[in-house]
């Protein structure tokens, strides 16, 4: 293999690796956005559950009947 062909083969492999790296980077970026959105949704749902729990009377609490 001549030096020119050897350099061309290396450049070709490098170009493929750069493309693969960019594709992986795009996937990681997209997944991070999805994780961030899922975490925000989870926070909102947890907040709603906490609000509902704070409004609901304690089922173990004894209520005095209204005729007392």
PDB file of N, CA and C in Angstrom:
ATOM      1  N   UNK A   1       0.862  -1.171   0.000  1.00  0.00           N
ATOM      2  CA  UNK A   1       0.000   0.000   0.000  1.00  0.00           C
ATOM      3  C   UNK A   1       0.906   1.230   0.000  1.00  0.00           C
ATOM      4  N   UNK A   2       0.621   2.135  -0.915  1.00  0.00           N
ATOM      5  CA  UNK A   2       1.431   3.352  -0.985  1.00  0.00           C
ATOM      6  C   UNK A   2       1.034   4.295   0.133  1.00  0.00           C
ATOM      7  N   UNK A   3       1.920   5.254   0.377  1.00  0.00           N
ATOM      8  CA  UNK A   3       1.646   6.226   1.434  1.00  0.00           C
ATOM      9  C   UNK A   3       0.358   7.003   1.165  1.00  0.00           C
ATOM     10  N   UNK A   4       0.118   7.359  -0.100  1.00  0.00           N
ATOM     11  CA  UNK A   4      -1.078   8.132  -0.453  1.00  0.00           C
ATOM     12  C   UNK A   4      -2.338   7.309  -0.176  1.00  0.00           C
ATOM     13  N   UNK A   5      -2.307   6.036  -0.542  1.00  0.00           N
ATOM     14  CA  UNK A   5      -3.477   5.183  -0.295  1.00  0.00           C
ATOM     15  C   UNK A   5      -3.656   4.939   1.197  1.00  0.00           C
ATOM     16  N   UNK A   6      -2.555   4.808   1.903  1.00  0.00           N
ATOM     17  CA  UNK A   6      -2.628   4.599   3.353  1.00  0.00           C
ATOM     18  C   UNK A   6      -3.243   5.829   4.035  1.00  0.00           C
ATOM     19  N   UNK A   7      -2.808   7.013   3.639  1.00  0.00           N
ATOM     20  CA  UNK A   7      -3.358   8.255   4.193  1.00  0.00           C
ATOM     21  C   UNK A   7      -4.835   8.374   3.827  1.00  0.00           C
ATOM     22  N   UNK A   8      -5.188   8.025   2.611  1.00  0.00           N
ATOM     23  CA  UNK A   8      -6.589   8.092   2.170  1.00  0.00           C
ATOM     24  C   UNK A   8      -7.459   7.146   2.993  1.00  0.00           C
ATOM     25  N   UNK A   9      -6.975   5.952   3.284  1.00  0.00           N
ATOM     26  CA  UNK A   9      -7.727   4.995   4.088  1.00  0.00           C
ATOM     27  C   UNK A   9      -7.914   5.531   5.510  1.00  0.00           C
ATOM     28  N   UNK A  10      -6.870   6.112   6.069  1.00  0.00           N
ATOM     29  CA  UNK A  10      -6.968   6.683   7.413  1.00  0.00           C
ATOM     30  C   UNK A  10      -7.956   7.837   7.427  1.00  0.00           C
ATOM     31  N   UNK A  11      -7.903   8.707   6.410  1.00  0.00           N
ATOM     32  CA  UNK A  11      -8.836   9.832   6.345  1.00  0.00           C
ATOM     33  C   UNK A  11     -10.273   9.347   6.213  1.00  0.00           C
ATOM     34  N   UNK A  12     -10.471   8.284   5.445  1.00  0.00           N
ATOM     35  CA  UNK A  12     -11.814   7.730   5.276  1.00  0.00           C
ATOM     36  C   UNK A  12     -12.334   7.191   6.607  1.00  0.00           C
ATOM     37  N   UNK A  13     -11.500   6.434   7.319  1.00  0.00           N
ATOM     38  CA  UNK A  13     -11.903   5.907   8.618  1.00  0.00           C
ATOM     39  C   UNK A  13     -12.186   7.038   9.604  1.00  0.00           C
ATOM     40  N   UNK A  14     -11.375   8.074   9.582  1.00  0.00           N
ATOM     41  CA  UNK A  14     -11.565   9.218  10.467  1.00  0.00           C
ATOM     42  C   UNK A  14     -12.895   9.912  10.172  1.00  0.00           C
ATOM     43  N   UNK A  15     -13.225  10.054   8.907  1.00  0.00           N
ATOM     44  CA  UNK A  15     -14.495  10.689   8.534  1.00  0.00           C
ATOM     45  C   UNK A  15     -15.676   9.867   9.054  1.00  0.00           C
ATOM     46  N   UNK A  16     -15.589   8.543   8.941  1.00  0.00           N
ATOM     47  CA  UNK A  16     -16.667   7.681   9.446  1.00  0.00           C
ATOM     48  C   UNK A  16     -16.768   7.782  10.966  1.00  0.00           C
ATOM     49  N   UNK A  17     -15.622   7.820  11.638  1.00  0.00           N
ATOM     50  CA  UNK A  17     -15.633   7.939  13.098  1.00  0.00           C
ATOM     51  C   UNK A  17     -16.201   9.283  13.543  1.00  0.00           C
ATOM     52  N   UNK A  18     -15.878  10.342  12.824  1.00  0.00           N
ATOM     53  CA  UNK A  18     -16.424  11.664  13.167  1.00  0.00           C
ATOM     54  C   UNK A  18     -17.934  11.685  12.994  1.00  0.00           C
ATOM     55  N   UNK A  19     -18.420  11.055  11.925  1.00  0.00           N
ATOM     56  CA  UNK A  19     -19.865  10.988  11.709  1.00  0.00           C
ATOM     57  C   UNK A  19     -20.534  10.175  12.804  1.00  0.00           C
ATOM     58  N   UNK A  20     -19.948   9.034  13.151  1.00  0.00           N
ATOM     59  CA  UNK A  20     -20.516   8.193  14.208  1.00  0.00           C
ATOM     60  C   UNK A  20     -20.521   8.939  15.541  1.00  0.00           C
ATOM     61  N   UNK A  21     -19.461   9.677  15.826  1.00  0.00           N
ATOM     62  CA  UNK A  21     -19.390  10.447  17.055  1.00  0.00           C
ATOM     63  C   UNK A  21     -20.483  11.513  17.094  1.00  0.00           C
ATOM     64  N   UNK A  22     -20.717  12.180  15.984  1.00  0.00           N
ATOM     65  CA  UNK A  22     -21.764  13.198  15.937  1.00  0.00           C
ATOM     66  C   UNK A  22     -23.144  12.579  16.130  1.00  0.00           C
ATOM     67  N   UNK A  23     -23.373  11.417  15.527  1.00  0.00           N
ATOM     68  CA  UNK A  23     -24.654  10.730  15.699  1.00  0.00           C
ATOM     69  C   UNK A  23     -24.864  10.330  17.154  1.00  0.00           C
ATOM     70  N   UNK A  24     -23.818   9.818  17.802  1.00  0.00           N
ATOM     71  CA  UNK A  24     -23.923   9.450  19.214  1.00  0.00           C
ATOM     72  C   UNK A  24     -24.160  10.675  20.085  1.00  0.00           C
ATOM     73  N   UNK A  25     -23.501  11.755  19.757  1.00  0.00           N
ATOM     74  CA  UNK A  25     -23.686  12.995  20.500  1.00  0.00           C
ATOM     75  C   UNK A  25     -25.128  13.474  20.380  1.00  0.00           C
ATOM     76  N   UNK A  26     -25.690  13.388  19.196  1.00  0.00           N
ATOM     77  CA  UNK A  26     -27.087  13.786  18.986  1.00  0.00           C
ATOM     78  C   UNK A  26     -28.038  12.914  19.813  1.00  0.00           C
ATOM     79  N   UNK A  27     -27.756  11.613  19.866  1.00  0.00           N
ATOM     80  CA  UNK A  27     -28.597  10.693  20.635  1.00  0.00           C
ATOM     81  C   UNK A  27     -28.520  11.035  22.120  1.00  0.00           C
ATOM     82  N   UNK A  28     -27.322  11.275  22.627  1.00  0.00           N
ATOM     83  CA  UNK A  28     -27.158  11.614  24.044  1.00  0.00           C
ATOM     84  C   UNK A  28     -27.882  12.918  24.363  1.00  0.00           C
ATOM     85  N   UNK A  29     -27.779  13.909  23.486  1.00  0.00           N
ATOM     86  CA  UNK A  29     -28.456  15.190  23.696  1.00  0.00           C
ATOM     87  C   UNK A  29     -29.969  14.998  23.741  1.00  0.00           C
ATOM     88  N   UNK A  30     -30.510  14.211  22.811  1.00  0.00           N
ATOM     89  CA  UNK A  30     -31.955  13.955  22.768  1.00  0.00           C
ATOM     90  C   UNK A  30     -32.394  13.208  24.024  1.00  0.00           C
ATOM     91  N   UNK A  31     -31.633  12.208  24.433  1.00  0.00           N
ATOM     92  CA  UNK A  31     -31.991  11.451  25.629  1.00  0.00           C
ATOM     93  C   UNK A  31     -31.949  12.327  26.877  1.00  0.00           C
ATOM     94  N   UNK A  32     -30.987  13.231  26.951  1.00  0.00           N
ATOM     95  CA  UNK A  32     -30.915  14.109  28.114  1.00  0.00           C
ATOM     96  C   UNK A  32     -32.133  15.020  28.173  1.00  0.00           C
ATOM     97  N   UNK A  33     -32.578  15.508  27.018  1.00  0.00           N
ATOM     98  CA  UNK A  33     -33.790  16.339  26.990  1.00  0.00           C
ATOM     99  C   UNK A  33     -35.001  15.536  27.452  1.00  0.00           C
ATOM    100  N   UNK A  34     -35.088  14.271  27.027  1.00  0.00           N
ATOM    101  CA  UNK A  34     -36.201  13.423  27.440  1.00  0.00           C
ATOM    102  C   UNK A  34     -36.140  13.148  28.946  1.00  0.00           C
ATOM    103  N   UNK A  35     -34.957  12.922  29.466  1.00  0.00           N
ATOM    104  CA  UNK A  35     -34.799  12.699  30.911  1.00  0.00           C
ATOM    105  C   UNK A  35     -35.210  13.945  31.680  1.00  0.00           C
ATOM    106  N   UNK A  36     -34.761  15.113  31.214  1.00  0.00           N
ATOM    107  CA  UNK A  36     -35.128  16.364  31.880  1.00  0.00           C
ATOM    108  C   UNK A  36     -36.639  16.563  31.890  1.00  0.00           C
ATOM    109  N   UNK A  37     -37.290  16.260  30.763  1.00  0.00           N
ATOM    110  CA  UNK A  37     -38.752  16.405  30.690  1.00  0.00           C
ATOM    111  C   UNK A  37     -39.441  15.418  31.629  1.00  0.00           C
ATOM    112  N   UNK A  38     -38.941  14.180  31.700  1.00  0.00           N
ATOM    113  CA  UNK A  38     -39.531  13.183  32.587  1.00  0.00           C
ATOM    114  C   UNK A  38     -39.349  13.580  34.050  1.00  0.00           C
ATOM    115  N   UNK A  39     -38.196  14.121  34.394  1.00  0.00           N
ATOM    116  CA  UNK A  39     -37.960  14.567  35.765  1.00  0.00           C
ATOM    117  C   UNK A  39     -38.881  15.729  36.136  1.00  0.00           C
ATOM    118  N   UNK A  40     -39.074  16.641  35.221  1.00  0.00           N
ATOM    119  CA  UNK A  40     -39.975  17.771  35.487  1.00  0.00           C
ATOM    120  C   UNK A  40     -41.412  17.278  35.666  1.00  0.00           C
ATOM    121  N   UNK A  41     -41.839  16.347  34.835  1.00  0.00           N
ATOM    122  CA  UNK A  41     -43.173  15.762  34.973  1.00  0.00           C
ATOM    123  C   UNK A  41     -43.302  15.057  36.321  1.00  0.00           C
ATOM    124  N   UNK A  42     -42.277  14.326  36.707  1.00  0.00           N
ATOM    125  CA  UNK A  42     -42.289  13.638  37.993  1.00  0.00           C
ATOM    126  C   UNK A  42     -42.405  14.637  39.147  1.00  0.00           C
ATOM    127  N   UNK A  43     -41.666  15.741  39.082  1.00  0.00           N
ATOM    128  CA  UNK A  43     -41.760  16.769  40.127  1.00  0.00           C
ATOM    129  C   UNK A  43     -43.175  17.337  40.215  1.00  0.00           C
ATOM    130  N   UNK A  44     -43.755  17.620  39.052  1.00  0.00           N
ATOM    131  CA  UNK A  44     -45.117  18.172  39.032  1.00  0.00           C
ATOM    132  C   UNK A  44     -46.130  17.184  39.607  1.00  0.00           C
ATOM    133  N   UNK A  45     -46.009  15.925  39.241  1.00  0.00           N
ATOM    134  CA  UNK A  45     -46.926  14.911  39.761  1.00  0.00           C
ATOM    135  C   UNK A  45     -46.743  14.735  41.263  1.00  0.00           C
ATOM    136  N   UNK A  46     -45.492  14.755  41.727  1.00  0.00           N
ATOM    137  CA  UNK A  46     -45.236  14.632  43.171  1.00  0.00           C
ATOM    138  C   UNK A  46     -45.854  15.805  43.925  1.00  0.00           C
ATOM    139  N   UNK A  47     -45.741  16.995  43.347  1.00  0.00           N
ATOM    140  CA  UNK A  47     -46.335  18.187  43.962  1.00  0.00           C
ATOM    141  C   UNK A  47     -47.859  18.037  44.041  1.00  0.00           C
ATOM    142  N   UNK A  48     -48.473  17.535  42.970  1.00  0.00           N
ATOM    143  CA  UNK A  48     -49.924  17.350  42.972  1.00  0.00           C
ATOM    144  C   UNK A  48     -50.347  16.310  44.002  1.00  0.00           C
ATOM    145  N   UNK A  49     -49.609  15.237  44.111  1.00  0.00           N
ATOM    146  CA  UNK A  49     -49.927  14.204  45.100  1.00  0.00           C
ATOM    147  C   UNK A  49     -49.807  14.782  46.505  1.00  0.00           C
ATOM    148  N   UNK A  50     -48.742  15.538  46.750  1.00  0.00           N
ATOM    149  CA  UNK A  50     -48.571  16.158  48.069  1.00  0.00           C
ATOM    150  C   UNK A  50     -49.729  17.098  48.394  1.00  0.00           C
ATOM    151  N   UNK A  51     -50.179  17.871  47.417  1.00  0.00           N
ATOM    152  CA  UNK A  51     -51.307  18.777  47.637  1.00  0.00           C
ATOM    153  C   UNK A  51     -52.581  18.001  47.949  1.00  0.00           C
ATOM    154  N   UNK A  52     -52.824  16.935  47.222  1.00  0.00           N
ATOM    155  CA  UNK A  52     -54.014  16.118  47.473  1.00  0.00           C
ATOM    156  C   UNK A  52     -53.945  15.466  48.843  1.00  0.00           C
ATOM    157  N   UNK A  53     -52.785  14.989  49.218  1.00  0.00           N
ATOM    158  CA  UNK A  53     -52.642  14.360  50.526  1.00  0.00           C
ATOM    159  C   UNK A  53     -52.844  15.369  51.655  1.00  0.00           C
ATOM    160  N   UNK A  54     -52.432  16.597  51.441  1.00  0.00           N
ATOM    161  CA  UNK A  54     -52.595  17.596  52.494  1.00  0.00           C
ATOM    162  C   UNK A  54     -54.060  18.028  52.632  1.00  0.00           C
ATOM    163  N   UNK A  55     -54.853  17.904  51.581  1.00  0.00           N
ATOM    164  CA  UNK A  55     -56.270  18.268  51.638  1.00  0.00           C
ATOM    165  C   UNK A  55     -57.124  17.155  52.216  1.00  0.00           C
ATOM    166  N   UNK A  56     -56.685  15.928  52.094  1.00  0.00           N
ATOM    167  CA  UNK A  56     -57.467  14.776  52.536  1.00  0.00           C
ATOM    168  C   UNK A  56     -57.313  14.622  54.041  1.00  0.00           C
ATOM    169  N   UNK A  57     -58.433  14.529  54.749  1.00  0.00           N
ATOM    170  CA  UNK A  57     -58.337  14.350  56.196  1.00  0.00           C
ATOM    171  C   UNK A  57     -57.702  13.008  56.525  1.00  0.00           C
ATOM    172  N   UNK A  58     -57.073  12.945  57.669  1.00  0.00           N
ATOM    173  CA  UNK A  58     -56.432  11.728  58.126  1.00  0.00           C
ATOM    174  C   UNK A  58     -57.508  10.677  58.379  1.00  0.00           C
ATOM    175  N   UNK A  59     -57.455   9.528  57.697  1.00  0.00           N
ATOM    176  CA  UNK A  59     -58.509   8.512  57.874  1.00  0.00           C
ATOM    177  C   UNK A  59     -58.497   7.918  59.277  1.00  0.00           C
ATOM    178  N   UNK A  60     -57.399   8.029  59.991  1.00  0.00           N
ATOM    179  CA  UNK A  60     -57.345   7.496  61.339  1.00  0.00           C
ATOM    180  C   UNK A  60     -57.872   8.457  62.389  1.00  0.00           C
ATOM    181  N   UNK A  61     -58.122   9.699  61.996  1.00  0.00           N
ATOM    182  CA  UNK A  61     -58.606  10.696  62.959  1.00  0.00           C
ATOM    183  C   UNK A  61     -60.074  10.418  63.270  1.00  0.00           C
ATOM    184  N   UNK A  62     -60.410  10.546  64.542  1.00  0.00           N
ATOM    185  CA  UNK A  62     -61.792  10.321  64.969  1.00  0.00           C
ATOM    186  C   UNK A  62     -62.524  11.658  64.887  1.00  0.00           C
ATOM    187  N   UNK A  63     -63.627  11.656  64.167  1.00  0.00           N
ATOM    188  CA  UNK A  63     -64.422  12.874  64.059  1.00  0.00           C
ATOM    189  C   UNK A  63     -65.531  12.836  65.097  1.00  0.00           C
ATOM    190  N   UNK A  64     -65.766  13.964  65.707  1.00  0.00           N
ATOM    191  CA  UNK A  64     -66.855  14.075  66.676  1.00  0.00           C
ATOM    192  C   UNK A  64     -68.150  14.236  65.885  1.00  0.00           C
ATOM    193  N   UNK A  65     -69.142  13.429  66.178  1.00  0.00           N
ATOM    194  CA  UNK A  65     -70.398  13.545  65.456  1.00  0.00           C
ATOM    195  C   UNK A  65     -71.000  14.952  65.675  1.00  0.00           C
ATOM    196  N   UNK A  66     -71.744  15.452  64.704  1.00  0.00           N
ATOM    197  CA  UNK A  66     -72.270  16.805  64.784  1.00  0.00           C
ATOM    198  C   UNK A  66     -73.275  17.031  65.923  1.00  0.00           C
ATOM    199  N   UNK A  67     -73.876  16.001  66.487  1.00  0.00           N
ATOM    200  CA  UNK A  67     -74.874  16.191  67.544  1.00  0.00           C
ATOM    201  C   UNK A  67     -74.238  16.418  68.916  1.00  0.00           C
ATOM    202  N   UNK A  68     -72.931  16.361  69.056  1.00  0.00           N
ATOM    203  CA  UNK A  68     -72.275  16.633  70.353  1.00  0.00           C
ATOM    204  C   UNK A  68     -72.031  18.073  70.563  1.00  0.00           C
TER     205      UNK A  68
END
